[in-house]
Amino acid sequence: MIEGMEQTLWSDSNHGRYVMRIESEYWTRELQLEAWMDRPDHTLIRIHSPKKEAGVGSLRIGDAMWNYLPKVDRTIKIPPSMMLQPWMGSNFSNDDLVKESSFVDDYTHELAEVDDSGQVPVYRVVSTPRPDAPVVWSRLEFEVRSDAIPVSVAYYGERDQLVKRLTYDQIKTMDGRRIPTLWTMVDADNPESRTVIRIESIEFDLPLDEALFSLRRLRNPE
């Protein structure tokens, strides 16, 4: 079920354009993003606007991640201890965006409940970390439809408290598959702090040149 969900969202490779809106109690800002992913080892994200952040990028190769800051022409390697830090001040962490950890590989899964009240059955799956998994969540709780479209993910911390929740909405057909196109991450202790990602366009299962996922391309997009 979880593997099917990841395949629905990402497939083996993808290239998409997104709008990320970061909201707080006092301000809102919006980023235009482009991203490429060649699972399981490669992700590249680049900001196109606003102008002051255009060209900022993030690259993952295996378990290594770098950020590029064009204003100072500096490439920064992100240590493993920083993977759960917010990406560009959003409610999504570095790991959420570049997908270093794997829901399938790093957790064991148990079907806890089936909700048949709607048009499509929804499964609640409780996932706990494998003993050697490099993750910090004490557990994750997924709600996934029977057609492998996710409904939500709840993230629980060390004391088994809810830390944040990701919900998926606005199911549309893109590149021949039905996917949720609006993703909202909300902090559990501050509901006014949220980040919304809207998928503008996406292609799946396209060939991606390995040279795309390089520090040279991170610094010098072509």
C-alpha atoms as a PDB file:
ATOM      1  CA  MET A   1       0.000   0.000   0.000  1.00  0.00           C
ATOM      2  CA  ILE A   2       2.738   2.492   0.971  1.00  0.00           C
ATOM      3  CA  GLU A   3       4.903   1.506  -1.979  1.00  0.00           C
ATOM      4  CA  GLY A   4       1.915   2.004  -4.265  1.00  0.00           C
ATOM      5  CA  MET A   5       1.358   5.459  -2.764  1.00  0.00           C
ATOM      6  CA  GLU A   6       4.979   6.470  -3.394  1.00  0.00           C
ATOM      7  CA  GLN A   7       4.719   5.161  -6.939  1.00  0.00           C
ATOM      8  CA  THR A   8       1.551   7.209  -7.477  1.00  0.00           C
ATOM      9  CA  LEU A   9       3.217  10.405  -6.275  1.00  0.00           C
ATOM     10  CA  TRP A  10       6.688  10.034  -7.761  1.00  0.00           C
ATOM     11  CA  SER A  11       6.903   7.009 -10.102  1.00  0.00           C
ATOM     12  CA  ASP A  12      10.480   6.034 -11.053  1.00  0.00           C
ATOM     13  CA  SER A  13      11.324   9.501 -12.337  1.00  0.00           C
ATOM     14  CA  ASN A  14       9.531  12.813 -12.688  1.00  0.00           C
ATOM     15  CA  HIS A  15       9.906  16.458 -13.648  1.00  0.00           C
ATOM     16  CA  GLY A  16       7.447  19.063 -12.404  1.00  0.00           C
ATOM     17  CA  ARG A  17       6.708  22.722 -11.792  1.00  0.00           C
ATOM     18  CA  TYR A  18       5.222  23.782  -8.466  1.00  0.00           C
ATOM     19  CA  VAL A  19       4.050  26.782  -6.501  1.00  0.00           C
ATOM     20  CA  MET A  20       4.949  26.761  -2.808  1.00  0.00           C
ATOM     21  CA  ARG A  21       3.043  29.168  -0.559  1.00  0.00           C
ATOM     22  CA  ILE A  22       4.469  29.584   2.945  1.00  0.00           C
ATOM     23  CA  GLU A  23       2.015  31.052   5.450  1.00  0.00           C
ATOM     24  CA  SER A  24       2.538  32.294   8.986  1.00  0.00           C
ATOM     25  CA  GLU A  25       0.516  34.373  11.396  1.00  0.00           C
ATOM     26  CA  TYR A  26       2.166  37.563  10.139  1.00  0.00           C
ATOM     27  CA  TRP A  27       3.215  37.057   6.519  1.00  0.00           C
ATOM     28  CA  THR A  28       2.848  34.945   3.377  1.00  0.00           C
ATOM     29  CA  ARG A  29       5.329  34.363   0.591  1.00  0.00           C
ATOM     30  CA  GLU A  30       5.234  32.323  -2.595  1.00  0.00           C
ATOM     31  CA  LEU A  31       7.956  30.474  -4.490  1.00  0.00           C
ATOM     32  CA  GLN A  32       7.905  29.138  -8.063  1.00  0.00           C
ATOM     33  CA  LEU A  33       9.805  25.836  -8.164  1.00  0.00           C
ATOM     34  CA  GLU A  34      11.018  23.318 -10.714  1.00  0.00           C
ATOM     35  CA  ALA A  35      12.086  19.843  -9.601  1.00  0.00           C
ATOM     36  CA  TRP A  36      13.519  16.664 -11.081  1.00  0.00           C
ATOM     37  CA  MET A  37      13.616  13.286  -9.337  1.00  0.00           C
ATOM     38  CA  ASP A  38      15.231  10.035 -10.450  1.00  0.00           C
ATOM     39  CA  ARG A  39      14.406   7.566  -7.704  1.00  0.00           C
ATOM     40  CA  PRO A  40      15.748   6.427  -5.434  1.00  0.00           C
ATOM     41  CA  ASP A  41      18.993   8.402  -5.366  1.00  0.00           C
ATOM     42  CA  HIS A  42      18.679  11.739  -7.156  1.00  0.00           C
ATOM     43  CA  THR A  43      16.669  14.944  -6.611  1.00  0.00           C
ATOM     44  CA  LEU A  44      17.218  18.493  -7.890  1.00  0.00           C
ATOM     45  CA  ILE A  45      15.025  21.456  -6.887  1.00  0.00           C
ATOM     46  CA  ARG A  46      15.435  24.988  -8.240  1.00  0.00           C
ATOM     47  CA  ILE A  47      13.648  28.224  -7.340  1.00  0.00           C
ATOM     48  CA  HIS A  48      12.670  30.432 -10.305  1.00  0.00           C
ATOM     49  CA  SER A  49      10.921  33.252  -8.436  1.00  0.00           C
ATOM     50  CA  PRO A  50      10.684  35.583  -6.608  1.00  0.00           C
ATOM     51  CA  LYS A  51      13.658  37.393  -8.104  1.00  0.00           C
ATOM     52  CA  LYS A  52      15.586  37.694  -4.840  1.00  0.00           C
ATOM     53  CA  GLU A  53      15.624  33.888  -4.446  1.00  0.00           C
ATOM     54  CA  ALA A  54      15.813  32.887  -8.114  1.00  0.00           C
ATOM     55  CA  GLY A  55      18.566  30.372  -8.770  1.00  0.00           C
ATOM     56  CA  VAL A  56      18.637  28.936  -5.251  1.00  0.00           C
ATOM     57  CA  GLY A  57      18.798  25.158  -5.564  1.00  0.00           C
ATOM     58  CA  SER A  58      18.965  21.903  -3.634  1.00  0.00           C
ATOM     59  CA  LEU A  59      20.607  18.708  -4.840  1.00  0.00           C
ATOM     60  CA  ARG A  60      20.539  15.216  -3.363  1.00  0.00           C
ATOM     61  CA  ILE A  61      22.773  12.381  -4.525  1.00  0.00           C
ATOM     62  CA  GLY A  62      22.287   9.292  -2.372  1.00  0.00           C
ATOM     63  CA  ASP A  63      22.478  10.379   1.261  1.00  0.00           C
ATOM     64  CA  ALA A  64      24.334  13.643   0.504  1.00  0.00           C
ATOM     65  CA  MET A  65      22.588  17.006   0.043  1.00  0.00           C
ATOM     66  CA  TRP A  66      23.795  20.441  -1.020  1.00  0.00           C
ATOM     67  CA  ASN A  67      22.174  23.881  -1.255  1.00  0.00           C
ATOM     68  CA  TYR A  68      23.380  26.514  -3.708  1.00  0.00           C
ATOM     69  CA  LEU A  69      23.053  30.248  -2.915  1.00  0.00           C
ATOM     70  CA  PRO A  70      23.682  32.250  -6.107  1.00  0.00           C
ATOM     71  CA  LYS A  71      23.868  35.677  -4.430  1.00  0.00           C
ATOM     72  CA  VAL A  72      27.069  34.672  -2.675  1.00  0.00           C
ATOM     73  CA  ASP A  73      27.954  31.959  -5.220  1.00  0.00           C
ATOM     74  CA  ARG A  74      28.270  29.407  -2.452  1.00  0.00           C
ATOM     75  CA  THR A  75      27.483  25.695  -2.298  1.00  0.00           C
ATOM     76  CA  ILE A  76      26.730  24.380   1.191  1.00  0.00           C
ATOM     77  CA  LYS A  77      26.705  20.695   2.107  1.00  0.00           C
ATOM     78  CA  ILE A  78      23.830  19.881   4.454  1.00  0.00           C
ATOM     79  CA  PRO A  79      24.860  17.516   7.285  1.00  0.00           C
ATOM     80  CA  PRO A  80      22.557  14.617   8.229  1.00  0.00           C
ATOM     81  CA  SER A  81      21.660  16.414  11.471  1.00  0.00           C
ATOM     82  CA  MET A  82      20.081  19.223   9.414  1.00  0.00           C
ATOM     83  CA  MET A  83      17.856  17.076   7.181  1.00  0.00           C
ATOM     84  CA  LEU A  84      14.812  17.761   9.362  1.00  0.00           C
ATOM     85  CA  GLN A  85      15.347  21.527   9.329  1.00  0.00           C
ATOM     86  CA  PRO A  86      12.825  23.620   7.340  1.00  0.00           C
ATOM     87  CA  TRP A  87      13.496  23.984   3.628  1.00  0.00           C
ATOM     88  CA  MET A  88      13.517  27.725   2.741  1.00  0.00           C
ATOM     89  CA  GLY A  89      11.573  28.544   5.898  1.00  0.00           C
ATOM     90  CA  SER A  90       8.673  26.281   4.952  1.00  0.00           C
ATOM     91  CA  ASN A  91       6.884  23.600   6.981  1.00  0.00           C
ATOM     92  CA  PHE A  92       8.479  20.959   4.756  1.00  0.00           C
ATOM     93  CA  SER A  93      11.868  19.714   5.917  1.00  0.00           C
ATOM     94  CA  ASN A  94      14.901  19.166   3.706  1.00  0.00           C
ATOM     95  CA  ASP A  95      14.126  15.454   3.881  1.00  0.00           C
ATOM     96  CA  ASP A  96      10.464  15.964   2.942  1.00  0.00           C
ATOM     97  CA  LEU A  97      11.501  17.725  -0.252  1.00  0.00           C
ATOM     98  CA  VAL A  98      14.495  15.713  -1.436  1.00  0.00           C
ATOM     99  CA  LYS A  99      13.289  12.344  -0.050  1.00  0.00           C
ATOM    100  CA  GLU A 100      16.486  10.981   1.475  1.00  0.00           C
ATOM    101  CA  SER A 101      14.520   8.684   3.761  1.00  0.00           C
ATOM    102  CA  SER A 102      12.121   6.125   2.314  1.00  0.00           C
ATOM    103  CA  PHE A 103       8.717   5.292   3.731  1.00  0.00           C
ATOM    104  CA  VAL A 104       9.047   1.803   2.268  1.00  0.00           C
ATOM    105  CA  ASP A 105      12.620   0.978   3.253  1.00  0.00           C
ATOM    106  CA  ASP A 106      12.905   2.730   6.623  1.00  0.00           C
ATOM    107  CA  TYR A 107       9.621   1.686   8.265  1.00  0.00           C
ATOM    108  CA  THR A 108       7.561  -1.409   8.960  1.00  0.00           C
ATOM    109  CA  HIS A 109       3.840  -1.063   8.268  1.00  0.00           C
ATOM    110  CA  GLU A 110       0.679  -2.355   9.888  1.00  0.00           C
ATOM    111  CA  LEU A 111      -2.865  -1.964   8.619  1.00  0.00           C
ATOM    112  CA  ALA A 112      -4.789  -0.486  11.549  1.00  0.00           C
ATOM    113  CA  GLU A 113      -8.202   0.351  10.121  1.00  0.00           C
ATOM    114  CA  VAL A 114     -10.315   0.443   6.961  1.00  0.00           C
ATOM    115  CA  ASP A 115     -12.881   3.191   6.406  1.00  0.00           C
ATOM    116  CA  ASP A 116     -15.560   2.057   3.949  1.00  0.00           C
ATOM    117  CA  SER A 117     -17.911   4.988   4.519  1.00  0.00           C
ATOM    118  CA  GLY A 118     -16.924   6.898   1.362  1.00  0.00           C
ATOM    119  CA  GLN A 119     -16.959   6.122  -2.351  1.00  0.00           C
ATOM    120  CA  VAL A 120     -13.406   4.744  -2.120  1.00  0.00           C
ATOM    121  CA  PRO A 121     -12.140   2.702   0.862  1.00  0.00           C
ATOM    122  CA  VAL A 122      -9.437   4.457   2.908  1.00  0.00           C
ATOM    123  CA  TYR A 123      -6.787   2.457   4.763  1.00  0.00           C
ATOM    124  CA  ARG A 124      -5.087   3.732   7.920  1.00  0.00           C
ATOM    125  CA  VAL A 125      -1.539   2.384   8.096  1.00  0.00           C
ATOM    126  CA  VAL A 126       0.698   2.800  11.152  1.00  0.00           C
ATOM    127  CA  SER A 127       4.403   2.805  10.303  1.00  0.00           C
ATOM    128  CA  THR A 128       7.219   2.407  12.843  1.00  0.00           C
ATOM    129  CA  PRO A 129      10.945   2.843  12.140  1.00  0.00           C
ATOM    130  CA  ARG A 130      13.153  -0.148  11.538  1.00  0.00           C
ATOM    131  CA  PRO A 131      15.829  -0.469  14.271  1.00  0.00           C
ATOM    132  CA  ASP A 132      18.679   0.762  12.063  1.00  0.00           C
ATOM    133  CA  ALA A 133      16.725   3.365  10.088  1.00  0.00           C
ATOM    134  CA  PRO A 134      18.205   6.906  10.115  1.00  0.00           C
ATOM    135  CA  VAL A 135      14.890   8.587  10.993  1.00  0.00           C
ATOM    136  CA  VAL A 136      13.633  10.570  13.994  1.00  0.00           C
ATOM    137  CA  TRP A 137       9.876  10.032  13.865  1.00  0.00           C
ATOM    138  CA  SER A 138       8.533   7.604  16.473  1.00  0.00           C
ATOM    139  CA  ARG A 139       5.789   6.645  14.028  1.00  0.00           C
ATOM    140  CA  LEU A 140       3.894   7.784  10.969  1.00  0.00           C
ATOM    141  CA  GLU A 141       0.198   7.324  10.328  1.00  0.00           C
ATOM    142  CA  PHE A 142      -0.924   7.199   6.709  1.00  0.00           C
ATOM    143  CA  GLU A 143      -4.403   7.402   5.260  1.00  0.00           C
ATOM    144  CA  VAL A 144      -4.311   5.960   1.752  1.00  0.00           C
ATOM    145  CA  ARG A 145      -7.188   5.279  -0.607  1.00  0.00           C
ATOM    146  CA  SER A 146      -7.584   1.831  -2.132  1.00  0.00           C
ATOM    147  CA  ASP A 147      -6.459   3.281  -5.476  1.00  0.00           C
ATOM    148  CA  ALA A 148      -3.093   4.236  -3.860  1.00  0.00           C
ATOM    149  CA  ILE A 149      -3.889   7.967  -3.730  1.00  0.00           C
ATOM    150  CA  PRO A 150      -2.783   9.374  -0.350  1.00  0.00           C
ATOM    151  CA  VAL A 151      -5.166  11.308   1.889  1.00  0.00           C
ATOM    152  CA  SER A 152      -2.854  12.340   4.743  1.00  0.00           C
ATOM    153  CA  VAL A 153       0.331  11.588   6.689  1.00  0.00           C
ATOM    154  CA  ALA A 154       0.705  12.346  10.419  1.00  0.00           C
ATOM    155  CA  TYR A 155       4.220  12.674  11.855  1.00  0.00           C
ATOM    156  CA  TYR A 156       4.803  11.789  15.513  1.00  0.00           C
ATOM    157  CA  GLY A 157       7.871  12.793  17.542  1.00  0.00           C
ATOM    158  CA  GLU A 158       9.947  11.060  20.191  1.00  0.00           C
ATOM    159  CA  ARG A 159       7.316  11.499  22.911  1.00  0.00           C
ATOM    160  CA  ASP A 160       4.649  10.185  20.565  1.00  0.00           C
ATOM    161  CA  GLN A 161       3.194  13.665  20.132  1.00  0.00           C
ATOM    162  CA  LEU A 162       1.793  14.819  16.801  1.00  0.00           C
ATOM    163  CA  VAL A 163       4.321  17.224  15.242  1.00  0.00           C
ATOM    164  CA  LYS A 164       2.822  17.965  11.833  1.00  0.00           C
ATOM    165  CA  ARG A 165       0.299  16.665   9.347  1.00  0.00           C
ATOM    166  CA  LEU A 166       0.395  16.567   5.552  1.00  0.00           C
ATOM    167  CA  THR A 167      -2.922  16.434   3.683  1.00  0.00           C
ATOM    168  CA  TYR A 168      -3.489  15.799  -0.025  1.00  0.00           C
ATOM    169  CA  ASP A 169      -6.368  17.350  -1.980  1.00  0.00           C
ATOM    170  CA  GLN A 170      -7.623  18.322  -5.449  1.00  0.00           C
ATOM    171  CA  ILE A 171      -7.185  15.038  -7.314  1.00  0.00           C
ATOM    172  CA  LYS A 172      -6.611  15.651 -11.024  1.00  0.00           C
ATOM    173  CA  THR A 173      -5.275  13.731 -14.001  1.00  0.00           C
ATOM    174  CA  MET A 174      -1.740  14.783 -14.934  1.00  0.00           C
ATOM    175  CA  ASP A 175       0.394  13.011 -17.496  1.00  0.00           C
ATOM    176  CA  GLY A 176      -2.120  10.181 -17.621  1.00  0.00           C
ATOM    177  CA  ARG A 177      -2.433   9.464 -13.890  1.00  0.00           C
ATOM    178  CA  ARG A 178      -4.705  10.670 -11.120  1.00  0.00           C
ATOM    179  CA  ILE A 179      -2.758  12.414  -8.372  1.00  0.00           C
ATOM    180  CA  PRO A 180      -3.461  14.904  -5.582  1.00  0.00           C
ATOM    181  CA  THR A 181      -2.273  18.306  -6.783  1.00  0.00           C
ATOM    182  CA  LEU A 182      -2.567  20.319  -3.552  1.00  0.00           C
ATOM    183  CA  TRP A 183      -0.383  19.327  -0.593  1.00  0.00           C
ATOM    184  CA  THR A 184      -0.704  21.128   2.743  1.00  0.00           C
ATOM    185  CA  MET A 185       1.726  20.694   5.650  1.00  0.00           C
ATOM    186  CA  VAL A 186       0.507  22.128   8.978  1.00  0.00           C
ATOM    187  CA  ASP A 187       2.341  22.346  12.312  1.00  0.00           C
ATOM    188  CA  ALA A 188       0.352  20.605  15.048  1.00  0.00           C
ATOM    189  CA  ASP A 189       1.172  23.215  17.706  1.00  0.00           C
ATOM    190  CA  ASN A 190       0.525  26.224  15.443  1.00  0.00           C
ATOM    191  CA  PRO A 191      -2.215  25.692  12.832  1.00  0.00           C
ATOM    192  CA  GLU A 192      -1.592  29.168  11.409  1.00  0.00           C
ATOM    193  CA  SER A 193       1.867  28.000  10.307  1.00  0.00           C
ATOM    194  CA  ARG A 194       1.423  26.051   7.101  1.00  0.00           C
ATOM    195  CA  THR A 195       2.916  25.462   3.680  1.00  0.00           C
ATOM    196  CA  VAL A 196       0.864  24.659   0.593  1.00  0.00           C
ATOM    197  CA  ILE A 197       2.398  23.103  -2.528  1.00  0.00           C
ATOM    198  CA  ARG A 198       0.387  23.219  -5.736  1.00  0.00           C
ATOM    199  CA  ILE A 199       1.481  21.078  -8.685  1.00  0.00           C
ATOM    200  CA  GLU A 200       1.299  23.166 -11.864  1.00  0.00           C
ATOM    201  CA  SER A 201       2.550  20.447 -14.216  1.00  0.00           C
ATOM    202  CA  ILE A 202       4.348  17.114 -13.935  1.00  0.00           C
ATOM    203  CA  GLU A 203       5.731  14.390 -16.222  1.00  0.00           C
ATOM    204  CA  PHE A 204       6.428  10.845 -15.091  1.00  0.00           C
ATOM    205  CA  ASP A 205       8.845   8.113 -16.183  1.00  0.00           C
ATOM    206  CA  LEU A 206      10.929  10.294 -18.456  1.00  0.00           C
ATOM    207  CA  PRO A 207      14.638   9.674 -19.088  1.00  0.00           C
ATOM    208  CA  LEU A 208      16.788  12.051 -17.036  1.00  0.00           C
ATOM    209  CA  ASP A 209      20.471  12.585 -17.803  1.00  0.00           C
ATOM    210  CA  GLU A 210      22.606  11.677 -14.793  1.00  0.00           C
ATOM    211  CA  ALA A 211      24.665  14.823 -15.460  1.00  0.00           C
ATOM    212  CA  LEU A 212      21.614  16.848 -14.403  1.00  0.00           C
ATOM    213  CA  PHE A 213      22.209  15.705 -10.823  1.00  0.00           C
ATOM    214  CA  SER A 214      25.655  17.219 -10.364  1.00  0.00           C
ATOM    215  CA  LEU A 215      27.202  20.081  -8.432  1.00  0.00           C
ATOM    216  CA  ARG A 216      28.141  21.727 -11.722  1.00  0.00           C
ATOM    217  CA  ARG A 217      24.515  21.807 -12.864  1.00  0.00           C
ATOM    218  CA  LEU A 218      23.370  22.890  -9.404  1.00  0.00           C
ATOM    219  CA  ARG A 219      25.605  25.960  -9.734  1.00  0.00           C
ATOM    220  CA  ASN A 220      25.162  26.496 -13.483  1.00  0.00           C
ATOM    221  CA  PRO A 221      21.715  25.582 -14.810  1.00  0.00           C
ATOM    222  CA  GLU A 222      21.569  25.154 -18.570  1.00  0.00           C
END
